[in-house]
Amino acid sequence: MRFFEVNTEAPPGVDMGSHLPLRFTWRPLLGDVVYALLLGTWFCVLPAAYLLDQGLTLSFILENWWWALLFVLGGTFSVVATLRGVLTRLEVEVTDSQVRQRGGGTLRDKTWSEPLERYTALRVEHRHHPDWLGARDEFGIHLCHGEDDSRSVVLHWGRSRRHFQARLARYSELLGLSVEEEARAARRLAG
């Protein structure tokens, strides 16, 4: 998220390219791993540094069980959270016959595959953010699933109108799908 901007549901920039197969890989920001490392520093590194600085023996640490518990729990939580952050990813691939999504880490349950013929249209989305500095616009292109909206895929999300229009024409040509405007898409979802 940029300074003075609202949070959106879509990643800040998605572009699957202009040739089949269309591919996009998303990973969380490095900042998501920082909290886990801070947890390890707070509960493992600082207590260990204190114990070493004071010259306390292993027998003292074992007598005062809460030191060991603090170190073990803090270390376990920080290692697990760091690995979850590093291993989390979402890969989406659109070919001429298939749409695949593969998740890893915390998103491993988001893995599925669908034939392209189950997708009915490309949906256009436009968001205007008056509370952003400069009142910026965002433009999105979604590949809409005919039966299950949770299987719809974001093909493009960005802030350039010119780039958005070029991608929309190219995706419509590549996939052989019509473009569904926002008003029709809202009526379809509501009804």
N, C-alpha and C. Protein backbone atom coordinates (compact mmCIF):
# COMPACT_ATOMS: atom_id res chain seq x y z
N MET A 1 0.84 -1.17 0.00
CA MET A 1 0.00 0.00 0.00
C MET A 1 0.89 1.24 0.00
N ARG A 2 0.59 2.16 -0.86
CA ARG A 2 1.36 3.38 -0.96
C ARG A 2 0.87 4.39 0.09
N PHE A 3 1.67 5.36 0.37
CA PHE A 3 1.35 6.40 1.34
C PHE A 3 0.05 7.10 0.96
N PHE A 4 -0.86 7.29 1.89
CA PHE A 4 -2.15 7.96 1.71
C PHE A 4 -3.10 7.20 0.78
N GLU A 5 -2.92 5.91 0.59
CA GLU A 5 -3.82 5.16 -0.28
C GLU A 5 -4.61 4.15 0.54
N VAL A 6 -5.81 3.86 0.07
CA VAL A 6 -6.64 2.87 0.75
C VAL A 6 -6.19 1.48 0.33
N ASN A 7 -6.54 0.51 1.13
CA ASN A 7 -6.20 -0.87 0.82
C ASN A 7 -7.23 -1.43 -0.16
N THR A 8 -6.79 -2.21 -1.15
CA THR A 8 -7.70 -2.82 -2.11
C THR A 8 -7.60 -4.33 -1.97
N GLU A 9 -8.61 -5.04 -2.48
CA GLU A 9 -8.62 -6.49 -2.39
C GLU A 9 -7.64 -7.12 -3.36
N ALA A 10 -7.39 -6.48 -4.48
CA ALA A 10 -6.47 -7.03 -5.48
C ALA A 10 -5.05 -6.59 -5.17
N PRO A 11 -4.07 -7.38 -5.59
CA PRO A 11 -2.68 -6.94 -5.42
C PRO A 11 -2.45 -5.62 -6.14
N PRO A 12 -1.43 -4.83 -5.75
CA PRO A 12 -1.23 -3.51 -6.35
C PRO A 12 -0.98 -3.56 -7.84
N GLY A 13 -0.43 -4.64 -8.37
CA GLY A 13 -0.21 -4.74 -9.80
C GLY A 13 -0.22 -6.18 -10.25
N VAL A 14 -1.10 -6.51 -11.20
CA VAL A 14 -1.16 -7.84 -11.78
C VAL A 14 -1.10 -7.66 -13.28
N ASP A 15 -0.17 -8.33 -13.94
CA ASP A 15 -0.12 -8.32 -15.39
C ASP A 15 0.37 -9.68 -15.83
N MET A 16 -0.47 -10.42 -16.52
CA MET A 16 -0.14 -11.78 -16.92
C MET A 16 0.56 -11.85 -18.26
N GLY A 17 0.91 -10.71 -18.83
CA GLY A 17 1.57 -10.73 -20.13
C GLY A 17 0.57 -10.68 -21.26
N SER A 18 1.07 -10.81 -22.49
CA SER A 18 0.18 -10.68 -23.64
C SER A 18 0.18 -11.90 -24.55
N HIS A 19 0.82 -12.99 -24.14
CA HIS A 19 0.87 -14.20 -24.96
C HIS A 19 0.52 -15.40 -24.09
N LEU A 20 -0.14 -16.39 -24.71
CA LEU A 20 -0.45 -17.62 -24.00
C LEU A 20 0.81 -18.45 -23.82
N PRO A 21 0.98 -19.12 -22.73
CA PRO A 21 0.15 -19.13 -21.53
C PRO A 21 0.34 -17.85 -20.71
N LEU A 22 -0.76 -17.37 -20.16
CA LEU A 22 -0.73 -16.21 -19.27
C LEU A 22 -0.34 -16.70 -17.89
N ARG A 23 0.63 -16.05 -17.26
CA ARG A 23 1.11 -16.50 -15.95
C ARG A 23 1.27 -15.33 -14.99
N PHE A 24 1.00 -15.61 -13.72
CA PHE A 24 1.24 -14.62 -12.68
C PHE A 24 1.56 -15.36 -11.39
N THR A 25 2.60 -14.91 -10.68
CA THR A 25 2.97 -15.48 -9.39
C THR A 25 2.96 -14.36 -8.36
N TRP A 26 2.26 -14.59 -7.26
CA TRP A 26 2.19 -13.61 -6.18
C TRP A 26 2.85 -14.20 -4.94
N ARG A 27 3.67 -13.41 -4.29
CA ARG A 27 4.26 -13.76 -2.99
C ARG A 27 4.00 -12.60 -2.04
N PRO A 28 3.87 -12.88 -0.74
CA PRO A 28 3.65 -11.78 0.21
C PRO A 28 4.87 -10.88 0.28
N LEU A 29 4.64 -9.69 0.76
CA LEU A 29 5.73 -8.74 0.90
C LEU A 29 6.75 -9.22 1.93
N LEU A 30 7.96 -8.78 1.79
CA LEU A 30 9.01 -9.14 2.73
C LEU A 30 8.65 -8.66 4.14
N GLY A 31 7.85 -7.60 4.22
CA GLY A 31 7.44 -7.08 5.51
C GLY A 31 6.63 -8.06 6.33
N ASP A 32 5.97 -9.05 5.66
CA ASP A 32 5.21 -10.06 6.40
C ASP A 32 6.13 -10.99 7.18
N VAL A 33 7.37 -11.13 6.74
CA VAL A 33 8.34 -12.00 7.41
C VAL A 33 9.00 -11.25 8.58
N VAL A 34 9.03 -9.93 8.49
CA VAL A 34 9.72 -9.13 9.51
C VAL A 34 9.12 -9.35 10.89
N TYR A 35 7.80 -9.47 10.99
CA TYR A 35 7.16 -9.65 12.30
C TYR A 35 7.59 -10.97 12.94
N ALA A 36 7.72 -12.00 12.14
CA ALA A 36 8.18 -13.29 12.68
C ALA A 36 9.63 -13.18 13.16
N LEU A 37 10.45 -12.47 12.43
CA LEU A 37 11.84 -12.30 12.85
C LEU A 37 11.93 -11.44 14.11
N LEU A 38 11.07 -10.44 14.22
CA LEU A 38 11.03 -9.64 15.44
C LEU A 38 10.60 -10.48 16.64
N LEU A 39 9.66 -11.39 16.43
CA LEU A 39 9.23 -12.30 17.49
C LEU A 39 10.41 -13.15 17.96
N GLY A 40 11.19 -13.68 17.02
CA GLY A 40 12.37 -14.47 17.38
C GLY A 40 13.41 -13.64 18.10
N THR A 41 13.58 -12.41 17.67
CA THR A 41 14.55 -11.53 18.33
C THR A 41 14.12 -11.23 19.76
N TRP A 42 12.85 -10.91 19.94
CA TRP A 42 12.33 -10.53 21.25
C TRP A 42 12.36 -11.68 22.25
N PHE A 43 11.98 -12.89 21.79
CA PHE A 43 11.86 -14.01 22.72
C PHE A 43 13.05 -14.97 22.73
N CYS A 44 13.96 -14.86 21.76
CA CYS A 44 15.11 -15.79 21.72
C CYS A 44 16.45 -15.07 21.84
N VAL A 45 16.67 -14.13 20.95
CA VAL A 45 17.98 -13.48 20.89
C VAL A 45 18.23 -12.62 22.13
N LEU A 46 17.27 -11.77 22.50
CA LEU A 46 17.46 -10.91 23.66
C LEU A 46 17.61 -11.69 24.97
N PRO A 47 16.76 -12.71 25.24
CA PRO A 47 16.99 -13.50 26.46
C PRO A 47 18.33 -14.24 26.45
N ALA A 48 18.72 -14.79 25.29
CA ALA A 48 20.02 -15.48 25.21
C ALA A 48 21.17 -14.50 25.44
N ALA A 49 21.06 -13.30 24.88
CA ALA A 49 22.10 -12.29 25.10
C ALA A 49 22.16 -11.89 26.57
N TYR A 50 21.01 -11.77 27.22
CA TYR A 50 20.99 -11.44 28.64
C TYR A 50 21.66 -12.54 29.47
N LEU A 51 21.31 -13.80 29.18
CA LEU A 51 21.89 -14.92 29.93
C LEU A 51 23.39 -14.99 29.74
N LEU A 52 23.86 -14.78 28.54
CA LEU A 52 25.30 -14.80 28.28
C LEU A 52 26.00 -13.62 28.94
N ASP A 53 25.37 -12.45 28.92
CA ASP A 53 25.97 -11.26 29.52
C ASP A 53 26.10 -11.40 31.03
N GLN A 54 25.12 -12.03 31.64
CA GLN A 54 25.14 -12.21 33.10
C GLN A 54 26.03 -13.38 33.53
N GLY A 55 26.46 -14.18 32.57
CA GLY A 55 27.32 -15.32 32.89
C GLY A 55 26.60 -16.41 33.65
N LEU A 56 25.31 -16.56 33.40
CA LEU A 56 24.52 -17.57 34.11
C LEU A 56 24.81 -18.95 33.54
N THR A 57 24.79 -19.94 34.39
CA THR A 57 25.13 -21.30 33.99
C THR A 57 23.90 -22.03 33.46
N LEU A 58 24.16 -23.17 32.83
CA LEU A 58 23.08 -24.00 32.30
C LEU A 58 22.21 -24.54 33.43
N SER A 59 22.80 -24.84 34.57
CA SER A 59 22.01 -25.33 35.70
C SER A 59 21.03 -24.27 36.20
N PHE A 60 21.44 -22.99 36.18
CA PHE A 60 20.52 -21.92 36.57
C PHE A 60 19.35 -21.84 35.59
N ILE A 61 19.66 -21.97 34.32
CA ILE A 61 18.60 -21.89 33.29
C ILE A 61 17.63 -23.05 33.46
N LEU A 62 18.14 -24.24 33.74
CA LEU A 62 17.27 -25.40 33.91
C LEU A 62 16.45 -25.31 35.20
N GLU A 63 16.99 -24.69 36.24
CA GLU A 63 16.24 -24.50 37.49
C GLU A 63 15.09 -23.51 37.28
N ASN A 64 15.35 -22.48 36.54
CA ASN A 64 14.31 -21.49 36.23
C ASN A 64 13.72 -21.84 34.87
N TRP A 65 12.75 -22.75 34.88
CA TRP A 65 12.19 -23.35 33.68
C TRP A 65 11.58 -22.33 32.71
N TRP A 66 11.14 -21.20 33.22
CA TRP A 66 10.47 -20.23 32.36
C TRP A 66 11.43 -19.64 31.33
N TRP A 67 12.78 -19.60 31.62
CA TRP A 67 13.74 -19.14 30.61
C TRP A 67 13.75 -20.09 29.41
N ALA A 68 13.81 -21.37 29.70
CA ALA A 68 13.82 -22.36 28.62
C ALA A 68 12.51 -22.34 27.85
N LEU A 69 11.39 -22.23 28.58
CA LEU A 69 10.09 -22.18 27.93
C LEU A 69 9.98 -20.95 27.02
N LEU A 70 10.45 -19.81 27.50
CA LEU A 70 10.44 -18.58 26.71
C LEU A 70 11.25 -18.76 25.42
N PHE A 71 12.42 -19.32 25.55
CA PHE A 71 13.30 -19.50 24.40
C PHE A 71 12.71 -20.51 23.40
N VAL A 72 12.22 -21.64 23.89
CA VAL A 72 11.68 -22.69 23.01
C VAL A 72 10.41 -22.21 22.30
N LEU A 73 9.47 -21.64 23.04
CA LEU A 73 8.22 -21.18 22.41
C LEU A 73 8.47 -20.04 21.43
N GLY A 74 9.28 -19.07 21.85
CA GLY A 74 9.58 -17.96 20.94
C GLY A 74 10.30 -18.43 19.69
N GLY A 75 11.25 -19.34 19.84
CA GLY A 75 11.97 -19.87 18.69
C GLY A 75 11.07 -20.66 17.76
N THR A 76 10.21 -21.49 18.35
CA THR A 76 9.29 -22.30 17.53
C THR A 76 8.33 -21.42 16.75
N PHE A 77 7.70 -20.47 17.44
CA PHE A 77 6.75 -19.59 16.75
C PHE A 77 7.43 -18.75 15.67
N SER A 78 8.61 -18.24 15.94
CA SER A 78 9.26 -17.39 14.95
C SER A 78 9.72 -18.19 13.74
N VAL A 79 10.23 -19.40 13.94
CA VAL A 79 10.66 -20.23 12.81
C VAL A 79 9.46 -20.65 11.96
N VAL A 80 8.39 -21.08 12.61
CA VAL A 80 7.19 -21.49 11.88
C VAL A 80 6.60 -20.31 11.10
N ALA A 81 6.48 -19.15 11.73
CA ALA A 81 5.91 -17.99 11.05
C ALA A 81 6.81 -17.51 9.91
N THR A 82 8.12 -17.57 10.09
CA THR A 82 9.03 -17.18 9.01
C THR A 82 8.90 -18.13 7.83
N LEU A 83 8.87 -19.43 8.09
CA LEU A 83 8.71 -20.40 7.00
C LEU A 83 7.37 -20.24 6.29
N ARG A 84 6.30 -20.00 7.03
CA ARG A 84 5.00 -19.78 6.40
C ARG A 84 5.03 -18.57 5.50
N GLY A 85 5.67 -17.49 5.94
CA GLY A 85 5.76 -16.29 5.12
C GLY A 85 6.60 -16.49 3.88
N VAL A 86 7.70 -17.23 4.02
CA VAL A 86 8.60 -17.44 2.87
C VAL A 86 7.99 -18.42 1.88
N LEU A 87 7.30 -19.45 2.35
CA LEU A 87 6.75 -20.48 1.46
C LEU A 87 5.41 -20.12 0.85
N THR A 88 4.74 -19.07 1.32
CA THR A 88 3.44 -18.70 0.80
C THR A 88 3.59 -18.10 -0.60
N ARG A 89 2.78 -18.62 -1.52
CA ARG A 89 2.77 -18.12 -2.89
C ARG A 89 1.45 -18.53 -3.54
N LEU A 90 1.13 -17.85 -4.62
CA LEU A 90 -0.04 -18.19 -5.42
C LEU A 90 0.34 -18.04 -6.88
N GLU A 91 0.24 -19.13 -7.63
CA GLU A 91 0.59 -19.13 -9.04
C GLU A 91 -0.68 -19.37 -9.86
N VAL A 92 -0.90 -18.53 -10.86
CA VAL A 92 -2.06 -18.67 -11.74
C VAL A 92 -1.54 -18.79 -13.16
N GLU A 93 -2.09 -19.77 -13.91
CA GLU A 93 -1.69 -19.97 -15.29
C GLU A 93 -2.93 -20.20 -16.14
N VAL A 94 -3.03 -19.47 -17.25
CA VAL A 94 -4.14 -19.61 -18.19
C VAL A 94 -3.54 -20.04 -19.52
N THR A 95 -3.94 -21.23 -19.99
CA THR A 95 -3.49 -21.72 -21.30
C THR A 95 -4.68 -21.67 -22.26
N ASP A 96 -4.50 -22.19 -23.47
CA ASP A 96 -5.59 -22.17 -24.43
C ASP A 96 -6.69 -23.17 -24.10
N SER A 97 -6.47 -24.05 -23.11
CA SER A 97 -7.50 -25.03 -22.76
C SER A 97 -7.78 -25.14 -21.26
N GLN A 98 -6.93 -24.56 -20.42
CA GLN A 98 -7.02 -24.79 -18.98
C GLN A 98 -6.70 -23.53 -18.18
N VAL A 99 -7.32 -23.41 -17.01
CA VAL A 99 -6.99 -22.37 -16.03
C VAL A 99 -6.59 -23.10 -14.76
N ARG A 100 -5.34 -22.84 -14.30
CA ARG A 100 -4.81 -23.52 -13.11
C ARG A 100 -4.42 -22.50 -12.07
N GLN A 101 -4.70 -22.83 -10.83
CA GLN A 101 -4.23 -22.02 -9.71
C GLN A 101 -3.58 -22.96 -8.71
N ARG A 102 -2.36 -22.63 -8.29
CA ARG A 102 -1.65 -23.46 -7.33
C ARG A 102 -1.16 -22.59 -6.19
N GLY A 103 -1.55 -22.95 -4.99
CA GLY A 103 -1.14 -22.21 -3.81
C GLY A 103 -0.12 -22.99 -3.01
N GLY A 104 0.72 -22.26 -2.31
CA GLY A 104 1.72 -22.87 -1.46
C GLY A 104 1.75 -22.18 -0.11
N GLY A 105 2.29 -22.85 0.89
CA GLY A 105 2.35 -22.26 2.23
C GLY A 105 0.97 -22.15 2.83
N THR A 106 0.61 -20.97 3.30
CA THR A 106 -0.71 -20.78 3.92
C THR A 106 -1.83 -20.82 2.89
N LEU A 107 -1.50 -20.72 1.60
CA LEU A 107 -2.52 -20.75 0.55
C LEU A 107 -2.58 -22.10 -0.16
N ARG A 108 -2.07 -23.17 0.46
CA ARG A 108 -2.02 -24.47 -0.22
C ARG A 108 -3.41 -25.03 -0.50
N ASP A 109 -4.44 -24.58 0.22
CA ASP A 109 -5.80 -25.05 -0.04
C ASP A 109 -6.45 -24.31 -1.22
N LYS A 110 -5.76 -23.37 -1.82
CA LYS A 110 -6.29 -22.61 -2.95
C LYS A 110 -5.85 -23.21 -4.30
N THR A 111 -5.61 -24.51 -4.36
CA THR A 111 -5.16 -25.17 -5.58
C THR A 111 -6.35 -25.80 -6.29
N TRP A 112 -6.50 -25.49 -7.58
CA TRP A 112 -7.56 -26.07 -8.40
C TRP A 112 -7.21 -25.93 -9.87
N SER A 113 -7.98 -26.61 -10.71
CA SER A 113 -7.79 -26.56 -12.15
C SER A 113 -9.16 -26.65 -12.82
N GLU A 114 -9.39 -25.84 -13.84
CA GLU A 114 -10.67 -25.79 -14.54
C GLU A 114 -10.42 -25.72 -16.05
N PRO A 115 -11.28 -26.34 -16.86
CA PRO A 115 -11.16 -26.15 -18.32
C PRO A 115 -11.59 -24.73 -18.70
N LEU A 116 -10.96 -24.19 -19.72
CA LEU A 116 -11.23 -22.81 -20.14
C LEU A 116 -12.66 -22.63 -20.62
N GLU A 117 -13.30 -23.67 -21.14
CA GLU A 117 -14.67 -23.52 -21.66
C GLU A 117 -15.69 -23.21 -20.57
N ARG A 118 -15.34 -23.38 -19.29
CA ARG A 118 -16.25 -23.03 -18.20
C ARG A 118 -16.25 -21.53 -17.92
N TYR A 119 -15.37 -20.80 -18.55
CA TYR A 119 -15.29 -19.35 -18.36
C TYR A 119 -16.09 -18.67 -19.46
N THR A 120 -16.94 -17.71 -19.05
CA THR A 120 -17.93 -17.16 -19.98
C THR A 120 -17.59 -15.78 -20.52
N ALA A 121 -16.85 -14.97 -19.80
CA ALA A 121 -16.61 -13.59 -20.25
C ALA A 121 -15.43 -12.98 -19.50
N LEU A 122 -15.04 -11.82 -19.98
CA LEU A 122 -14.07 -10.98 -19.28
C LEU A 122 -14.84 -9.86 -18.62
N ARG A 123 -14.66 -9.66 -17.33
CA ARG A 123 -15.36 -8.59 -16.62
C ARG A 123 -14.40 -7.43 -16.39
N VAL A 124 -14.88 -6.24 -16.66
CA VAL A 124 -14.10 -5.03 -16.49
C VAL A 124 -14.47 -4.39 -15.16
N GLU A 125 -13.47 -3.93 -14.42
CA GLU A 125 -13.72 -3.25 -13.15
C GLU A 125 -12.92 -1.97 -13.11
N HIS A 126 -13.56 -0.91 -12.68
CA HIS A 126 -12.92 0.40 -12.55
C HIS A 126 -13.19 0.91 -11.14
N ARG A 127 -12.14 1.31 -10.45
CA ARG A 127 -12.29 1.89 -9.11
C ARG A 127 -11.65 3.27 -9.10
N HIS A 128 -12.41 4.22 -8.62
CA HIS A 128 -11.89 5.58 -8.45
C HIS A 128 -11.70 5.80 -6.96
N HIS A 129 -10.52 6.27 -6.57
CA HIS A 129 -10.20 6.47 -5.16
C HIS A 129 -9.98 7.95 -4.90
N PRO A 130 -11.03 8.67 -4.49
CA PRO A 130 -10.88 10.11 -4.25
C PRO A 130 -10.00 10.42 -3.04
N ASP A 131 -9.85 9.47 -2.11
CA ASP A 131 -9.04 9.72 -0.92
C ASP A 131 -7.56 9.43 -1.15
N TRP A 132 -7.18 8.98 -2.32
CA TRP A 132 -5.77 8.82 -2.64
C TRP A 132 -5.20 10.17 -3.03
N LEU A 133 -3.95 10.36 -2.79
CA LEU A 133 -3.27 11.57 -3.21
C LEU A 133 -3.29 11.63 -4.73
N GLY A 134 -3.93 12.62 -5.30
CA GLY A 134 -4.07 12.71 -6.75
C GLY A 134 -5.31 12.01 -7.27
N ALA A 135 -6.17 11.47 -6.39
CA ALA A 135 -7.43 10.81 -6.77
C ALA A 135 -7.22 9.83 -7.92
N ARG A 136 -6.46 8.80 -7.69
CA ARG A 136 -6.09 7.85 -8.74
C ARG A 136 -7.20 6.86 -9.06
N ASP A 137 -7.10 6.27 -10.25
CA ASP A 137 -8.02 5.23 -10.71
C ASP A 137 -7.28 3.91 -10.81
N GLU A 138 -8.02 2.82 -10.65
CA GLU A 138 -7.51 1.48 -10.86
C GLU A 138 -8.41 0.78 -11.86
N PHE A 139 -7.82 -0.06 -12.69
CA PHE A 139 -8.56 -0.78 -13.72
C PHE A 139 -8.25 -2.26 -13.61
N GLY A 140 -9.29 -3.10 -13.70
CA GLY A 140 -9.09 -4.54 -13.58
C GLY A 140 -9.79 -5.31 -14.67
N ILE A 141 -9.21 -6.47 -15.01
CA ILE A 141 -9.81 -7.40 -15.96
C ILE A 141 -9.88 -8.75 -15.25
N HIS A 142 -11.10 -9.29 -15.14
CA HIS A 142 -11.32 -10.58 -14.47
C HIS A 142 -11.79 -11.59 -15.50
N LEU A 143 -11.27 -12.80 -15.42
CA LEU A 143 -11.75 -13.92 -16.22
C LEU A 143 -12.85 -14.59 -15.42
N CYS A 144 -14.11 -14.47 -15.89
CA CYS A 144 -15.28 -14.88 -15.10
C CYS A 144 -15.66 -16.34 -15.34
N HIS A 145 -15.78 -17.09 -14.26
CA HIS A 145 -16.24 -18.47 -14.31
C HIS A 145 -17.76 -18.46 -14.43
N GLY A 146 -18.32 -19.34 -15.22
CA GLY A 146 -19.76 -19.36 -15.46
C GLY A 146 -20.58 -19.82 -14.29
N GLU A 147 -20.06 -20.71 -13.44
CA GLU A 147 -20.85 -21.30 -12.37
C GLU A 147 -20.37 -20.91 -10.97
N ASP A 148 -19.07 -20.84 -10.77
CA ASP A 148 -18.50 -20.61 -9.43
C ASP A 148 -17.65 -19.34 -9.47
N ASP A 149 -18.16 -18.27 -8.88
CA ASP A 149 -17.46 -16.98 -8.93
C ASP A 149 -16.13 -17.01 -8.17
N SER A 150 -15.97 -17.96 -7.23
CA SER A 150 -14.70 -18.06 -6.50
C SER A 150 -13.58 -18.56 -7.41
N ARG A 151 -13.91 -19.11 -8.57
CA ARG A 151 -12.90 -19.59 -9.52
C ARG A 151 -12.58 -18.54 -10.58
N SER A 152 -13.14 -17.34 -10.45
CA SER A 152 -12.78 -16.25 -11.35
C SER A 152 -11.36 -15.80 -11.05
N VAL A 153 -10.65 -15.30 -12.06
CA VAL A 153 -9.24 -14.99 -11.94
C VAL A 153 -8.99 -13.56 -12.40
N VAL A 154 -8.13 -12.84 -11.67
CA VAL A 154 -7.72 -11.49 -12.07
C VAL A 154 -6.59 -11.64 -13.09
N LEU A 155 -6.83 -11.14 -14.31
CA LEU A 155 -5.81 -11.20 -15.35
C LEU A 155 -4.95 -9.94 -15.38
N HIS A 156 -5.56 -8.83 -15.05
CA HIS A 156 -4.82 -7.56 -15.09
C HIS A 156 -5.39 -6.63 -14.01
N TRP A 157 -4.50 -5.95 -13.32
CA TRP A 157 -4.91 -4.93 -12.35
C TRP A 157 -3.83 -3.86 -12.34
N GLY A 158 -4.21 -2.65 -12.70
CA GLY A 158 -3.21 -1.59 -12.75
C GLY A 158 -3.84 -0.22 -12.78
N ARG A 159 -3.00 0.80 -12.96
CA ARG A 159 -3.46 2.19 -12.89
C ARG A 159 -3.38 2.92 -14.22
N SER A 160 -2.86 2.30 -15.25
CA SER A 160 -2.74 2.95 -16.55
C SER A 160 -3.94 2.58 -17.43
N ARG A 161 -4.73 3.58 -17.82
CA ARG A 161 -5.90 3.34 -18.66
C ARG A 161 -5.49 2.81 -20.03
N ARG A 162 -4.44 3.37 -20.60
CA ARG A 162 -3.98 2.96 -21.93
C ARG A 162 -3.52 1.50 -21.92
N HIS A 163 -2.74 1.13 -20.92
CA HIS A 163 -2.26 -0.25 -20.81
C HIS A 163 -3.43 -1.21 -20.57
N PHE A 164 -4.40 -0.78 -19.76
CA PHE A 164 -5.59 -1.58 -19.48
C PHE A 164 -6.37 -1.85 -20.76
N GLN A 165 -6.61 -0.82 -21.58
CA GLN A 165 -7.38 -1.00 -22.80
C GLN A 165 -6.67 -1.92 -23.80
N ALA A 166 -5.34 -1.81 -23.87
CA ALA A 166 -4.58 -2.69 -24.76
C ALA A 166 -4.67 -4.14 -24.29
N ARG A 167 -4.55 -4.36 -22.97
CA ARG A 167 -4.65 -5.71 -22.43
C ARG A 167 -6.05 -6.29 -22.62
N LEU A 168 -7.08 -5.48 -22.44
CA LEU A 168 -8.45 -5.95 -22.60
C LEU A 168 -8.69 -6.44 -24.02
N ALA A 169 -8.27 -5.68 -25.01
CA ALA A 169 -8.43 -6.09 -26.41
C ALA A 169 -7.64 -7.37 -26.69
N ARG A 170 -6.43 -7.45 -26.17
CA ARG A 170 -5.57 -8.62 -26.41
C ARG A 170 -6.15 -9.86 -25.74
N TYR A 171 -6.62 -9.78 -24.50
CA TYR A 171 -7.17 -10.94 -23.81
C TYR A 171 -8.47 -11.41 -24.47
N SER A 172 -9.28 -10.48 -24.92
CA SER A 172 -10.52 -10.85 -25.60
C SER A 172 -10.20 -11.62 -26.88
N GLU A 173 -9.19 -11.18 -27.60
CA GLU A 173 -8.77 -11.86 -28.83
C GLU A 173 -8.14 -13.23 -28.53
N LEU A 174 -7.25 -13.29 -27.54
CA LEU A 174 -6.55 -14.54 -27.21
C LEU A 174 -7.50 -15.63 -26.72
N LEU A 175 -8.42 -15.26 -25.83
CA LEU A 175 -9.27 -16.24 -25.18
C LEU A 175 -10.60 -16.43 -25.90
N GLY A 176 -10.92 -15.55 -26.86
CA GLY A 176 -12.17 -15.67 -27.60
C GLY A 176 -13.39 -15.43 -26.74
N LEU A 177 -13.28 -14.51 -25.78
CA LEU A 177 -14.38 -14.21 -24.87
C LEU A 177 -14.84 -12.77 -25.05
N SER A 178 -16.14 -12.54 -24.81
CA SER A 178 -16.68 -11.19 -24.89
C SER A 178 -16.38 -10.43 -23.61
N VAL A 179 -16.57 -9.12 -23.66
CA VAL A 179 -16.31 -8.26 -22.51
C VAL A 179 -17.62 -7.92 -21.83
N GLU A 180 -17.69 -8.17 -20.54
CA GLU A 180 -18.88 -7.87 -19.74
C GLU A 180 -18.61 -6.58 -18.99
N GLU A 181 -19.42 -5.59 -19.18
CA GLU A 181 -19.23 -4.30 -18.52
C GLU A 181 -19.62 -4.38 -17.05
N GLU A 182 -19.21 -3.39 -16.28
CA GLU A 182 -19.44 -3.38 -14.83
C GLU A 182 -20.91 -3.43 -14.45
N ALA A 183 -21.77 -2.69 -15.17
CA ALA A 183 -23.18 -2.62 -14.81
C ALA A 183 -23.83 -4.00 -15.00
N ARG A 184 -23.54 -4.67 -16.10
CA ARG A 184 -24.10 -6.02 -16.31
C ARG A 184 -23.55 -7.01 -15.29
N ALA A 185 -22.27 -6.87 -14.96
CA ALA A 185 -21.66 -7.78 -13.98
C ALA A 185 -22.30 -7.59 -12.61
N ALA A 186 -22.60 -6.35 -12.22
CA ALA A 186 -23.25 -6.10 -10.93
C ALA A 186 -24.65 -6.69 -10.90
N ARG A 187 -25.40 -6.56 -12.02
CA ARG A 187 -26.74 -7.15 -12.07
C ARG A 187 -26.68 -8.67 -12.01
N ARG A 188 -25.68 -9.28 -12.67
CA ARG A 188 -25.55 -10.73 -12.69
C ARG A 188 -25.23 -11.25 -11.28
N LEU A 189 -24.34 -10.55 -10.58
CA LEU A 189 -23.97 -10.97 -9.22
C LEU A 189 -25.12 -10.76 -8.24
N ALA A 190 -25.92 -9.69 -8.44
CA ALA A 190 -27.03 -9.39 -7.52
C ALA A 190 -28.20 -10.35 -7.77
N GLY A 191 -28.42 -10.74 -9.00
CA GLY A 191 -29.60 -11.56 -9.33
C GLY A 191 -29.34 -12.97 -9.42
